[in-house]
Amino acid sequence: MKTKGIIIFLSAVLAFGVAAPAAGQTTFVSVRVKALDLHRSLIGFAAPQVRTKITAAAQAAKNYLAQCGRACDLQKFSASDLGTRFGRLSNSELSLLQALVFAELVGDLNQLANLEMQDTLQKQTQFVETISTIMKSQNDTLMEIIRKLRG
């Protein structure tokens, strides 16, 4: 997941030319927030068939990232994929569609990260409950031994 995050971050910086925040460094979180804001503000203007193609392109990009490892060129892949889905595009249309695909991809990965976090928290909770049960059992056993010794 970290490799995918780095690849997406670098692609965002290249695709959007994101300005650095006040601290002087662009972070994945700042790029993700800007991408999601862009997606929310623009996707409403897209026709339903365009939204469907953008969603399909985002899914294809996610699959591409999962398969290619460190050798990913997301910008080149998305340009090719969008050209196939939409036909001939001007540079500005391609850039806008790439930004929307990227934003949708980031949103999908954000949801995936949230699900992974929930799963981790559930596992931690189960672990703590198991330890608690073991400790209670040990305490009950020790208390029973003490009662018998007193008895």
Protein backbone atom coordinates (compact mmCIF):
# COMPACT_ATOMS: atom_id res chain seq x y z
CA MET A 1 0.00 0.00 0.00
CA LYS A 2 2.89 2.41 0.74
CA THR A 3 4.34 1.92 -2.75
CA LYS A 4 0.96 2.65 -4.32
CA GLY A 5 0.64 5.77 -2.18
CA ILE A 6 4.04 7.04 -3.25
CA ILE A 7 3.30 6.37 -6.91
CA ILE A 8 -0.05 8.14 -6.70
CA PHE A 9 1.51 11.05 -4.83
CA LEU A 10 4.21 11.49 -7.46
CA SER A 11 1.67 11.19 -10.25
CA ALA A 12 -0.46 13.86 -8.59
CA VAL A 13 2.46 16.21 -8.28
CA LEU A 14 3.29 15.69 -11.96
CA ALA A 15 -0.32 15.83 -13.15
CA PHE A 16 -1.51 18.78 -11.10
CA GLY A 17 1.67 20.75 -10.44
CA VAL A 18 0.43 21.10 -6.87
CA ALA A 19 1.78 24.11 -5.02
CA ALA A 20 3.64 23.35 -1.79
CA PRO A 21 1.85 24.17 1.46
CA ALA A 22 3.17 26.81 3.85
CA ALA A 23 5.53 24.32 5.50
CA GLY A 24 7.39 24.03 2.20
CA GLN A 25 6.54 20.41 1.44
CA THR A 26 3.75 18.82 -0.53
CA THR A 27 2.22 15.92 1.33
CA PHE A 28 0.10 13.05 0.10
CA VAL A 29 -2.70 14.26 2.37
CA SER A 30 -2.69 17.76 0.85
CA VAL A 31 -2.68 16.32 -2.68
CA ARG A 32 -5.47 13.89 -1.78
CA VAL A 33 -7.63 16.67 -0.30
CA LYS A 34 -7.12 18.88 -3.35
CA ALA A 35 -7.84 15.98 -5.71
CA LEU A 36 -11.04 15.05 -3.89
CA ASP A 37 -12.17 18.70 -3.81
CA LEU A 38 -11.53 18.99 -7.54
CA HIS A 39 -13.44 15.77 -8.20
CA ARG A 40 -16.43 16.92 -6.11
CA SER A 41 -16.54 20.31 -7.79
CA LEU A 42 -16.31 19.01 -11.38
CA ILE A 43 -17.90 15.56 -11.52
CA GLY A 44 -21.39 17.03 -11.17
CA PHE A 45 -21.01 18.70 -14.56
CA ALA A 46 -20.16 15.45 -16.35
CA ALA A 47 -22.80 13.54 -18.30
CA PRO A 48 -23.70 10.10 -16.87
CA GLN A 49 -21.85 8.24 -19.65
CA VAL A 50 -18.74 10.34 -18.98
CA ARG A 51 -18.96 9.58 -15.25
CA THR A 52 -19.20 5.87 -16.08
CA LYS A 53 -16.10 6.08 -18.27
CA ILE A 54 -14.21 8.00 -15.58
CA THR A 55 -15.13 5.36 -13.00
CA ALA A 56 -14.02 2.59 -15.38
CA ALA A 57 -10.76 4.43 -16.10
CA ALA A 58 -10.12 4.83 -12.35
CA GLN A 59 -10.70 1.10 -11.84
CA ALA A 60 -8.34 0.32 -14.72
CA ALA A 61 -5.72 2.62 -13.18
CA LYS A 62 -6.12 0.89 -9.81
CA ASN A 63 -5.61 -2.50 -11.48
CA TYR A 64 -2.59 -1.13 -13.36
CA LEU A 65 -1.03 0.13 -10.12
CA ALA A 66 -1.61 -3.23 -8.46
CA GLN A 67 0.16 -5.06 -11.29
CA CYS A 68 3.07 -2.86 -12.30
CA GLY A 69 4.82 -2.29 -8.98
CA ARG A 70 7.55 0.35 -9.09
CA ALA A 71 7.61 0.59 -12.88
CA CYS A 72 4.31 2.48 -13.07
CA ASP A 73 3.82 5.43 -15.37
CA LEU A 74 0.29 6.33 -14.34
CA GLN A 75 0.16 9.46 -16.45
CA LYS A 76 1.09 7.58 -19.64
CA PHE A 77 -1.26 4.71 -18.80
CA SER A 78 -4.21 7.02 -18.08
CA ALA A 79 -3.59 9.04 -21.27
CA SER A 80 -3.67 5.84 -23.31
CA ASP A 81 -6.68 4.44 -21.45
CA LEU A 82 -8.66 7.70 -21.73
CA GLY A 83 -7.78 7.97 -25.43
CA THR A 84 -9.25 4.50 -25.92
CA ARG A 85 -12.39 5.29 -23.92
CA PHE A 86 -13.08 8.78 -25.30
CA GLY A 87 -11.37 8.88 -28.67
CA ARG A 88 -9.40 11.94 -29.76
CA LEU A 89 -8.96 14.46 -26.94
CA SER A 90 -7.35 17.87 -26.79
CA ASN A 91 -4.55 18.33 -24.27
CA SER A 92 -6.80 20.32 -21.95
CA GLU A 93 -9.57 17.69 -22.13
CA LEU A 94 -7.06 14.94 -21.47
CA SER A 95 -5.60 16.82 -18.49
CA LEU A 96 -9.04 17.43 -17.00
CA LEU A 97 -10.10 13.80 -17.47
CA GLN A 98 -6.79 12.59 -16.00
CA ALA A 99 -7.35 14.82 -12.98
CA LEU A 100 -10.87 13.43 -12.50
CA VAL A 101 -9.66 9.86 -12.87
CA PHE A 102 -6.83 10.50 -10.42
CA ALA A 103 -9.24 12.08 -7.92
CA GLU A 104 -11.61 9.13 -8.17
CA LEU A 105 -8.70 6.73 -7.79
CA VAL A 106 -7.50 8.57 -4.68
CA GLY A 107 -11.04 8.44 -3.28
CA ASP A 108 -11.19 4.68 -3.89
CA LEU A 109 -7.81 4.13 -2.26
CA ASN A 110 -8.86 6.33 0.65
CA GLN A 111 -11.93 4.12 1.18
CA LEU A 112 -9.72 1.03 0.93
CA ALA A 113 -7.34 2.48 3.52
CA ASN A 114 -10.29 3.19 5.83
CA LEU A 115 -11.49 -0.40 5.48
CA GLU A 116 -8.00 -1.70 6.22
CA MET A 117 -7.83 0.55 9.28
CA GLN A 118 -11.19 -0.74 10.52
CA ASP A 119 -10.01 -4.31 10.03
CA THR A 120 -6.82 -3.58 11.98
CA LEU A 121 -8.81 -1.99 14.81
CA GLN A 122 -11.14 -5.01 14.95
CA LYS A 123 -8.15 -7.35 15.17
CA GLN A 124 -6.60 -5.25 17.93
CA THR A 125 -9.90 -5.24 19.84
CA GLN A 126 -10.16 -9.04 19.53
CA PHE A 127 -6.57 -9.37 20.74
CA VAL A 128 -7.22 -7.17 23.79
CA GLU A 129 -10.41 -9.11 24.57
CA THR A 130 -8.50 -12.40 24.34
CA ILE A 131 -5.75 -11.14 26.65
CA SER A 132 -8.38 -9.83 29.05
CA THR A 133 -10.15 -13.19 29.08
CA ILE A 134 -6.87 -15.01 29.76
CA MET A 135 -5.99 -12.63 32.59
CA LYS A 136 -9.44 -13.00 34.14
CA SER A 137 -9.12 -16.79 33.94
CA GLN A 138 -5.71 -16.63 35.63
CA ASN A 139 -7.10 -14.34 38.33
CA ASP A 140 -10.07 -16.65 38.94
CA THR A 141 -7.73 -19.65 39.16
CA LEU A 142 -5.43 -17.89 41.64
CA MET A 143 -8.39 -16.75 43.74
CA GLU A 144 -9.73 -20.33 43.85
CA ILE A 145 -6.32 -21.63 44.99
CA ILE A 146 -6.18 -18.97 47.71
CA ARG A 147 -9.71 -19.89 48.88
CA LYS A 148 -8.77 -23.57 49.07
CA LEU A 149 -5.59 -22.80 51.02
CA ARG A 150 -7.57 -20.68 53.51
CA GLY A 151 -10.42 -23.19 53.69
